[in-house]
Amino acid sequence: MAWSVAERVRAVQLYYRERSVVGAQRALQAELGYRRFPNSHTLKAWIRLFESTGSVVKARYPRPGRRVPQSLIAKVERAIRRNPRLSVRQLCSRTSASRGTVHSVLRRCLKLYPFKLQLVQRLRRGDKAKRLRFCRWALGARRARSLQRWLFISDEATFGLEGTVQKQNCRIWGEENPHAVVERDTQMRAHVTVWCAISSSAIVGPYFFEEGRRAVTVTGARYSAMLESFFLPELHRRHVDVSKAWFQQDGATPHTTRGVLQYLQGVFPNRVLSKGTAVPWPPRSPDLSPADFYLWGHVKAQVYQSPVRSVRELKLRIRRAVAAIPADVLNSVMANFILRCRRCRCLRGCHLENVLIHH
């Protein structure tokens, strides 16, 4: 039976109190209600270990590292030069070496690093100026702190049964970031359209756009109905001070109809970040949106860990993945949003590179 450190410590304490092994066993059973208790041999071993080292857990010392043959280093280096997209598992198969050895060769001997693929949108003429203008506004005096605390950033994403690009499993080994981009055309059959709004305090959602349990296209009427029947009631249910909250949305056509913008301005007067408002959200800027640079990638990584068999299972996994995100991560993500605005301002509106989420 495995015993925790706290249980071992308590058993040793009871031994010194009762002055006998049997007394400690009985006291431990009565106190913790265990049907089983450590036998005398195990308890005596804990006591001897405590008296000799001052701890009830054996110290673990790292094993001395083995010297890696130069032939293996050369073999891995040749394979990586021919194809820098090889995974550690593929290199293990080609070199007949263990996973730990191959990883050590890549990181310690060859000084290589695994870089993720970067999915970006091409900026058009004038986009850099719009991004720079927004970031300067967001970083204004006292505004950055208010946005980090009260801003709800919203977005939709499509999840299909067949999965998506798994950037977690795509690596390019190299000494410098290759900034590789993958373009992929997919036509999904069974899928769901999901909407969420992320903030430093909570994630509102997921909300599935569907009618009769079938996914439907997001239109202005459906989007407006979702805001009225789902989003605003959720804010009230979570006791969010709507008079201080900000709301962001991208420039998709259903988001910017006259009815939608009028409704949002009525709920969040002068606190809407969207195309068609006083503070337009910059176009083609997923690198600034926490929904894009964190939420959807994290949720898809959780959802597609194993094959999804039905739309019902897909929706259940999405709900669980969103609900499992802890509050400290949300705080970190929104703080990273401000850091990205600062970085974008320094780059004068260009795409961001190598900006990480710390949590």
Protein backbone atom coordinates (compact mmCIF):
# COMPACT_ATOMS: atom_id res chain seq x y z
CA MET A 1 0.00 0.00 0.00
CA ALA A 2 1.33 3.44 -0.92
CA TRP A 3 1.59 5.87 1.98
CA SER A 4 1.71 9.64 1.59
CA VAL A 5 4.35 11.78 3.25
CA ALA A 6 1.74 13.25 5.64
CA GLU A 7 0.65 9.76 6.72
CA ARG A 8 4.23 8.68 7.33
CA VAL A 9 4.93 11.79 9.40
CA ARG A 10 1.80 11.23 11.48
CA ALA A 11 2.70 7.58 12.08
CA VAL A 12 6.16 8.56 13.37
CA GLN A 13 4.65 11.25 15.61
CA LEU A 14 2.25 8.72 17.11
CA TYR A 15 5.13 6.31 17.72
CA TYR A 16 6.98 8.87 19.83
CA ARG A 17 3.78 9.72 21.66
CA GLU A 18 2.75 6.14 22.40
CA ARG A 19 6.32 4.89 22.94
CA SER A 20 5.58 1.66 21.06
CA VAL A 21 5.01 0.40 17.55
CA VAL A 22 1.73 -1.35 18.41
CA GLY A 23 0.42 1.73 20.19
CA ALA A 24 1.25 3.88 17.16
CA GLN A 25 -0.53 1.43 14.86
CA ARG A 26 -3.68 1.43 16.97
CA ALA A 27 -3.68 5.23 17.35
CA LEU A 28 -3.21 5.70 13.60
CA GLN A 29 -6.08 3.34 12.84
CA ALA A 30 -8.37 5.06 15.34
CA GLU A 31 -7.43 8.57 14.22
CA LEU A 32 -7.55 8.15 10.45
CA GLY A 33 -10.12 5.36 10.29
CA TYR A 34 -7.99 3.07 8.14
CA ARG A 35 -8.90 -0.55 7.76
CA ARG A 36 -5.24 -1.15 7.05
CA PHE A 37 -2.28 0.32 8.87
CA PRO A 38 1.49 0.07 8.32
CA ASN A 39 2.95 -3.18 9.63
CA SER A 40 5.66 -3.13 12.24
CA HIS A 41 8.45 -3.62 9.70
CA THR A 42 7.31 -0.63 7.63
CA LEU A 43 6.80 1.61 10.65
CA LYS A 44 10.23 0.71 12.08
CA ALA A 45 11.80 1.51 8.71
CA TRP A 46 10.21 4.96 8.76
CA ILE A 47 11.45 5.55 12.28
CA ARG A 48 15.02 4.50 11.42
CA LEU A 49 14.97 6.70 8.33
CA PHE A 50 13.69 9.66 10.35
CA GLU A 51 16.28 9.23 13.09
CA SER A 52 19.14 8.97 10.61
CA THR A 53 18.16 11.60 8.03
CA GLY A 54 15.46 13.72 9.66
CA SER A 55 13.00 12.77 6.91
CA VAL A 56 10.49 9.96 6.32
CA VAL A 57 11.22 9.85 2.59
CA LYS A 58 14.38 8.49 1.02
CA ALA A 59 16.42 11.05 -0.86
CA ARG A 60 16.68 10.46 -4.59
CA TYR A 61 19.98 11.25 -6.23
CA PRO A 62 20.28 11.80 -9.97
CA ARG A 63 22.04 9.08 -11.85
CA PRO A 64 25.31 10.04 -13.46
CA GLY A 65 24.85 10.90 -17.11
CA ARG A 66 26.11 8.52 -19.74
CA ARG A 67 28.50 9.66 -22.42
CA VAL A 68 26.79 9.82 -25.78
CA PRO A 69 28.78 8.26 -28.64
CA GLN A 70 29.93 10.70 -31.29
CA SER A 71 28.59 8.38 -33.97
CA LEU A 72 25.06 8.76 -32.56
CA ILE A 73 25.40 12.55 -32.43
CA ALA A 74 26.53 12.61 -36.05
CA LYS A 75 23.69 10.30 -37.08
CA VAL A 76 21.04 12.49 -35.42
CA GLU A 77 22.58 15.63 -36.88
CA ARG A 78 22.51 14.22 -40.43
CA ALA A 79 18.88 13.14 -40.05
CA ILE A 80 17.82 16.58 -38.76
CA ARG A 81 19.68 18.40 -41.54
CA ARG A 82 17.84 16.32 -44.14
CA ASN A 83 14.45 16.80 -42.47
CA PRO A 84 14.16 19.25 -39.55
CA ARG A 85 10.49 18.24 -39.04
CA LEU A 86 11.37 14.79 -37.68
CA SER A 87 9.91 14.05 -34.26
CA VAL A 88 11.86 12.56 -31.37
CA ARG A 89 9.95 9.31 -31.85
CA GLN A 90 10.95 9.11 -35.52
CA LEU A 91 14.58 9.81 -34.63
CA CYS A 92 14.46 7.03 -32.02
CA SER A 93 13.27 4.62 -34.71
CA ARG A 94 16.01 5.65 -37.13
CA THR A 95 18.88 5.62 -34.62
CA SER A 96 17.74 2.75 -32.33
CA ALA A 97 18.39 5.03 -29.33
CA SER A 98 16.10 5.77 -26.39
CA ARG A 99 13.85 8.81 -26.28
CA GLY A 100 15.84 10.40 -23.47
CA THR A 101 19.13 9.92 -25.32
CA VAL A 102 17.83 11.42 -28.55
CA HIS A 103 16.32 14.38 -26.72
CA SER A 104 19.63 14.92 -24.89
CA VAL A 105 21.52 14.88 -28.19
CA LEU A 106 19.16 17.44 -29.71
CA ARG A 107 19.13 19.84 -26.77
CA ARG A 108 22.51 19.41 -25.04
CA CYS A 109 24.83 18.30 -27.84
CA LEU A 110 23.40 19.99 -30.93
CA LYS A 111 21.86 22.97 -29.09
CA LEU A 112 18.63 22.68 -31.08
CA TYR A 113 15.17 23.78 -29.99
CA PRO A 114 11.70 22.59 -31.05
CA PHE A 115 9.75 25.45 -32.65
CA LYS A 116 5.99 25.38 -33.12
CA LEU A 117 4.25 26.27 -36.35
CA GLN A 118 2.88 29.80 -36.40
CA LEU A 119 -0.52 30.37 -37.99
CA VAL A 120 -0.97 34.01 -38.99
CA GLN A 121 -3.09 36.09 -41.32
CA ARG A 122 -1.52 38.25 -44.01
CA LEU A 123 -1.74 41.93 -43.09
CA ARG A 124 -3.15 44.21 -45.76
CA ARG A 125 -2.33 47.81 -46.54
CA GLY A 126 -3.30 50.00 -43.61
CA ASP A 127 -3.63 47.12 -41.11
CA LYS A 128 -0.37 47.93 -39.30
CA ALA A 129 -1.49 51.50 -38.72
CA LYS A 130 -4.84 50.29 -37.33
CA ARG A 131 -3.12 47.79 -35.03
CA LEU A 132 -0.70 50.42 -33.81
CA ARG A 133 -3.51 52.93 -33.22
CA PHE A 134 -5.51 50.39 -31.19
CA CYS A 135 -2.54 49.32 -29.06
CA ARG A 136 -1.68 52.92 -28.24
CA TRP A 137 -5.28 53.48 -27.18
CA ALA A 138 -5.42 50.27 -25.09
CA LEU A 139 -2.21 51.19 -23.27
CA GLY A 140 -3.42 54.65 -22.30
CA ALA A 141 -3.27 55.90 -18.73
CA ARG A 142 -5.45 53.73 -16.44
CA ARG A 143 -7.10 52.10 -19.45
CA ALA A 144 -4.83 49.06 -19.60
CA ARG A 145 -5.66 48.11 -16.01
CA SER A 146 -9.39 48.50 -16.66
CA LEU A 147 -9.24 46.38 -19.83
CA GLN A 148 -7.19 43.67 -18.15
CA ARG A 149 -9.81 43.36 -15.40
CA TRP A 150 -13.12 44.07 -17.14
CA LEU A 151 -12.69 43.23 -20.83
CA PHE A 152 -14.63 40.29 -22.32
CA ILE A 153 -13.06 39.17 -25.61
CA SER A 154 -15.40 37.06 -27.74
CA ASP A 155 -14.97 34.81 -30.74
CA GLU A 156 -16.40 31.79 -32.58
CA ALA A 157 -14.61 28.63 -33.61
CA THR A 158 -15.57 25.54 -35.57
CA PHE A 159 -14.89 22.05 -34.20
CA GLY A 160 -15.22 19.01 -36.44
CA LEU A 161 -15.26 15.32 -35.64
CA GLU A 162 -12.13 14.71 -37.70
CA GLY A 163 -10.03 17.07 -35.59
CA THR A 164 -7.77 19.94 -36.56
CA VAL A 165 -4.13 20.85 -37.08
CA GLN A 166 -2.30 19.66 -33.98
CA LYS A 167 0.41 22.26 -33.51
CA GLN A 168 1.42 20.52 -30.28
CA ASN A 169 2.68 17.58 -32.32
CA CYS A 170 4.32 19.68 -35.06
CA ARG A 171 7.91 20.67 -34.37
CA ILE A 172 10.74 22.03 -36.48
CA TRP A 173 14.17 21.51 -34.92
CA GLY A 174 16.66 24.31 -35.45
CA GLU A 175 18.98 26.85 -33.87
CA GLU A 176 16.71 29.73 -34.89
CA ASN A 177 12.95 30.04 -35.28
CA PRO A 178 12.07 29.24 -38.93
CA HIS A 179 8.65 30.97 -38.56
CA ALA A 180 7.02 28.24 -40.62
CA VAL A 181 3.41 28.70 -41.69
CA VAL A 182 1.01 25.93 -42.74
CA GLU A 183 -1.96 26.57 -45.03
CA ARG A 184 -4.68 23.96 -45.04
CA ASP A 185 -8.06 23.70 -46.69
CA THR A 186 -10.58 21.54 -44.87
CA GLN A 187 -14.23 20.80 -45.52
CA MET A 188 -15.81 19.48 -42.37
CA ARG A 189 -18.96 17.41 -42.41
CA ALA A 190 -20.18 16.91 -38.84
CA HIS A 191 -19.15 19.95 -36.82
CA VAL A 192 -20.28 22.50 -34.23
CA THR A 193 -19.89 26.28 -34.15
CA VAL A 194 -18.89 27.46 -30.67
CA TRP A 195 -18.91 30.94 -29.16
CA CYS A 196 -17.11 32.02 -25.98
CA ALA A 197 -16.17 35.25 -24.24
CA ILE A 198 -12.98 35.17 -22.15
CA SER A 199 -12.04 37.57 -19.35
CA SER A 200 -9.72 37.61 -16.36
CA SER A 201 -12.51 36.40 -14.07
CA ALA A 202 -14.40 33.81 -16.11
CA ILE A 203 -15.22 32.35 -19.50
CA VAL A 204 -18.80 32.88 -20.60
CA GLY A 205 -19.74 29.89 -22.71
CA PRO A 206 -19.51 27.71 -24.60
CA TYR A 207 -22.58 28.57 -26.63
CA PHE A 208 -23.39 26.38 -29.65
CA PHE A 209 -25.12 27.92 -32.66
CA GLU A 210 -27.60 25.22 -33.62
CA GLU A 211 -31.23 24.62 -34.42
CA GLY A 212 -32.79 21.23 -33.83
CA ARG A 213 -29.38 19.94 -32.66
CA ARG A 214 -27.85 20.79 -36.04
CA ALA A 215 -25.13 23.40 -36.50
CA VAL A 216 -26.27 26.54 -38.30
CA THR A 217 -24.51 29.49 -39.87
CA VAL A 218 -24.05 32.52 -37.61
CA THR A 219 -26.24 35.37 -38.83
CA GLY A 220 -26.91 38.79 -37.39
CA ALA A 221 -30.29 37.69 -36.02
CA ARG A 222 -28.88 34.55 -34.39
CA TYR A 223 -25.92 36.43 -32.98
CA SER A 224 -28.16 39.14 -31.54
CA ALA A 225 -30.46 36.52 -30.03
CA MET A 226 -27.46 34.83 -28.39
CA LEU A 227 -26.33 38.12 -26.84
CA GLU A 228 -29.79 38.82 -25.43
CA SER A 229 -30.77 35.34 -24.29
CA PHE A 230 -27.40 33.92 -23.22
CA PHE A 231 -24.52 36.37 -22.83
CA LEU A 232 -26.18 39.16 -20.83
CA PRO A 233 -28.07 36.77 -18.49
CA GLU A 234 -24.79 34.92 -17.86
CA LEU A 235 -23.10 38.18 -16.85
CA HIS A 236 -25.90 38.89 -14.38
CA ARG A 237 -25.80 35.33 -13.06
CA ARG A 238 -22.06 35.66 -12.44
CA HIS A 239 -22.61 39.03 -10.69
CA VAL A 240 -20.49 40.93 -13.21
CA ASP A 241 -20.76 44.71 -12.93
CA VAL A 242 -21.97 45.43 -16.46
CA SER A 243 -21.54 49.17 -15.93
CA LYS A 244 -17.76 48.63 -15.86
CA ALA A 245 -17.43 45.78 -18.36
CA TRP A 246 -15.97 46.15 -21.86
CA PHE A 247 -16.94 43.93 -24.79
CA GLN A 248 -14.83 43.00 -27.82
CA GLN A 249 -15.76 41.28 -31.07
CA ASP A 250 -14.10 40.96 -34.47
CA GLY A 251 -15.39 42.50 -37.66
CA ALA A 252 -17.38 39.53 -38.98
CA THR A 253 -20.51 40.61 -40.81
CA PRO A 254 -23.01 39.10 -38.29
CA HIS A 255 -21.27 41.04 -35.51
CA THR A 256 -21.56 44.45 -37.15
CA THR A 257 -25.17 44.67 -38.26
CA ARG A 258 -27.01 47.79 -37.19
CA GLY A 259 -29.22 45.90 -34.72
CA VAL A 260 -26.30 44.16 -33.03
CA LEU A 261 -24.24 47.34 -32.63
CA GLN A 262 -27.24 49.27 -31.28
CA TYR A 263 -27.90 46.55 -28.71
CA LEU A 264 -24.25 46.39 -27.62
CA GLN A 265 -23.98 50.17 -27.31
CA GLY A 266 -27.09 50.12 -25.14
CA VAL A 267 -25.60 47.51 -22.80
CA PHE A 268 -21.97 48.73 -22.94
CA PRO A 269 -22.16 52.46 -23.80
CA ASN A 270 -18.82 53.60 -25.27
CA ARG A 271 -17.22 50.34 -24.10
CA VAL A 272 -17.51 48.22 -27.26
CA LEU A 273 -14.38 47.31 -29.21
CA SER A 274 -15.66 46.44 -32.66
CA LYS A 275 -15.75 47.52 -36.27
CA GLY A 276 -18.31 50.28 -36.59
CA THR A 277 -17.73 51.75 -33.10
CA ALA A 278 -15.60 54.56 -31.73
CA VAL A 279 -12.85 52.04 -30.87
CA PRO A 280 -12.57 49.60 -33.78
CA TRP A 281 -10.90 46.24 -33.20
CA PRO A 282 -7.99 45.98 -35.69
CA PRO A 283 -8.67 43.54 -38.54
CA ARG A 284 -6.62 40.35 -39.02
CA SER A 285 -5.28 40.44 -35.47
CA PRO A 286 -5.72 36.98 -33.92
CA ASP A 287 -2.30 37.42 -32.28
CA LEU A 288 -3.86 40.10 -30.05
CA SER A 289 -7.01 38.13 -29.14
CA PRO A 290 -6.79 35.75 -26.13
CA ALA A 291 -9.50 33.64 -27.74
CA ASP A 292 -7.20 33.01 -30.70
CA PHE A 293 -3.73 32.90 -29.16
CA TYR A 294 -4.80 30.80 -26.17
CA LEU A 295 -8.39 29.62 -25.75
CA TRP A 296 -9.18 27.75 -28.97
CA GLY A 297 -5.75 26.14 -29.23
CA HIS A 298 -5.93 24.94 -25.63
CA VAL A 299 -9.49 23.62 -25.96
CA LYS A 300 -8.77 21.80 -29.23
CA ALA A 301 -5.65 20.22 -27.73
CA GLN A 302 -7.83 18.82 -24.91
CA VAL A 303 -10.76 17.81 -27.10
CA TYR A 304 -8.75 15.91 -29.71
CA GLN A 305 -6.52 13.89 -27.38
CA SER A 306 -8.48 10.87 -28.57
CA PRO A 307 -10.85 10.30 -31.52
CA VAL A 308 -14.30 11.88 -31.19
CA ARG A 309 -17.13 9.57 -32.19
CA SER A 310 -20.19 11.85 -32.18
CA VAL A 311 -21.27 15.47 -32.07
CA ARG A 312 -22.73 14.90 -28.61
CA GLU A 313 -19.37 13.68 -27.33
CA LEU A 314 -17.65 16.60 -29.07
CA LYS A 315 -19.85 19.16 -27.30
CA LEU A 316 -19.36 17.44 -23.96
CA ARG A 317 -15.57 17.55 -24.35
CA ILE A 318 -15.67 21.23 -25.27
CA ARG A 319 -17.72 22.06 -22.17
CA ARG A 320 -15.36 20.10 -19.92
CA ALA A 321 -12.24 21.67 -21.44
CA VAL A 322 -13.57 25.20 -20.99
CA ALA A 323 -14.80 24.56 -17.44
CA ALA A 324 -11.43 23.08 -16.42
CA ILE A 325 -9.44 26.26 -17.14
CA PRO A 326 -8.42 27.68 -13.71
CA ALA A 327 -8.82 31.32 -12.72
CA ASP A 328 -5.08 31.97 -12.37
CA VAL A 329 -4.59 30.98 -16.03
CA LEU A 330 -7.28 33.46 -17.09
CA ASN A 331 -5.51 36.22 -15.17
CA SER A 332 -2.25 35.30 -16.88
CA VAL A 333 -3.86 35.23 -20.32
CA MET A 334 -5.39 38.69 -19.94
CA ALA A 335 -2.12 40.04 -18.58
CA ASN A 336 -0.49 38.57 -21.67
CA PHE A 337 -3.01 40.48 -23.80
CA ILE A 338 -1.60 43.75 -22.40
CA LEU A 339 1.96 42.51 -22.97
CA ARG A 340 1.08 41.73 -26.58
CA CYS A 341 -0.31 45.22 -27.08
CA ARG A 342 2.95 46.64 -25.78
CA ARG A 343 4.97 44.37 -28.04
CA CYS A 344 2.80 45.28 -31.03
CA ARG A 345 3.34 48.96 -30.27
CA CYS A 346 7.10 48.40 -30.18
CA LEU A 347 6.90 46.57 -33.54
CA ARG A 348 4.78 49.42 -34.94
CA GLY A 349 1.85 47.16 -35.77
CA CYS A 350 3.69 44.13 -37.18
CA HIS A 351 2.83 40.52 -36.31
CA LEU A 352 4.05 39.31 -32.94
CA GLU A 353 6.69 36.62 -32.58
CA ASN A 354 7.78 34.52 -29.62
CA VAL A 355 5.33 36.07 -27.13
CA LEU A 356 4.59 33.39 -24.56
CA ILE A 357 1.85 32.92 -21.96
CA HIS A 358 3.35 32.56 -18.48
CA HIS A 359 1.25 30.67 -15.91
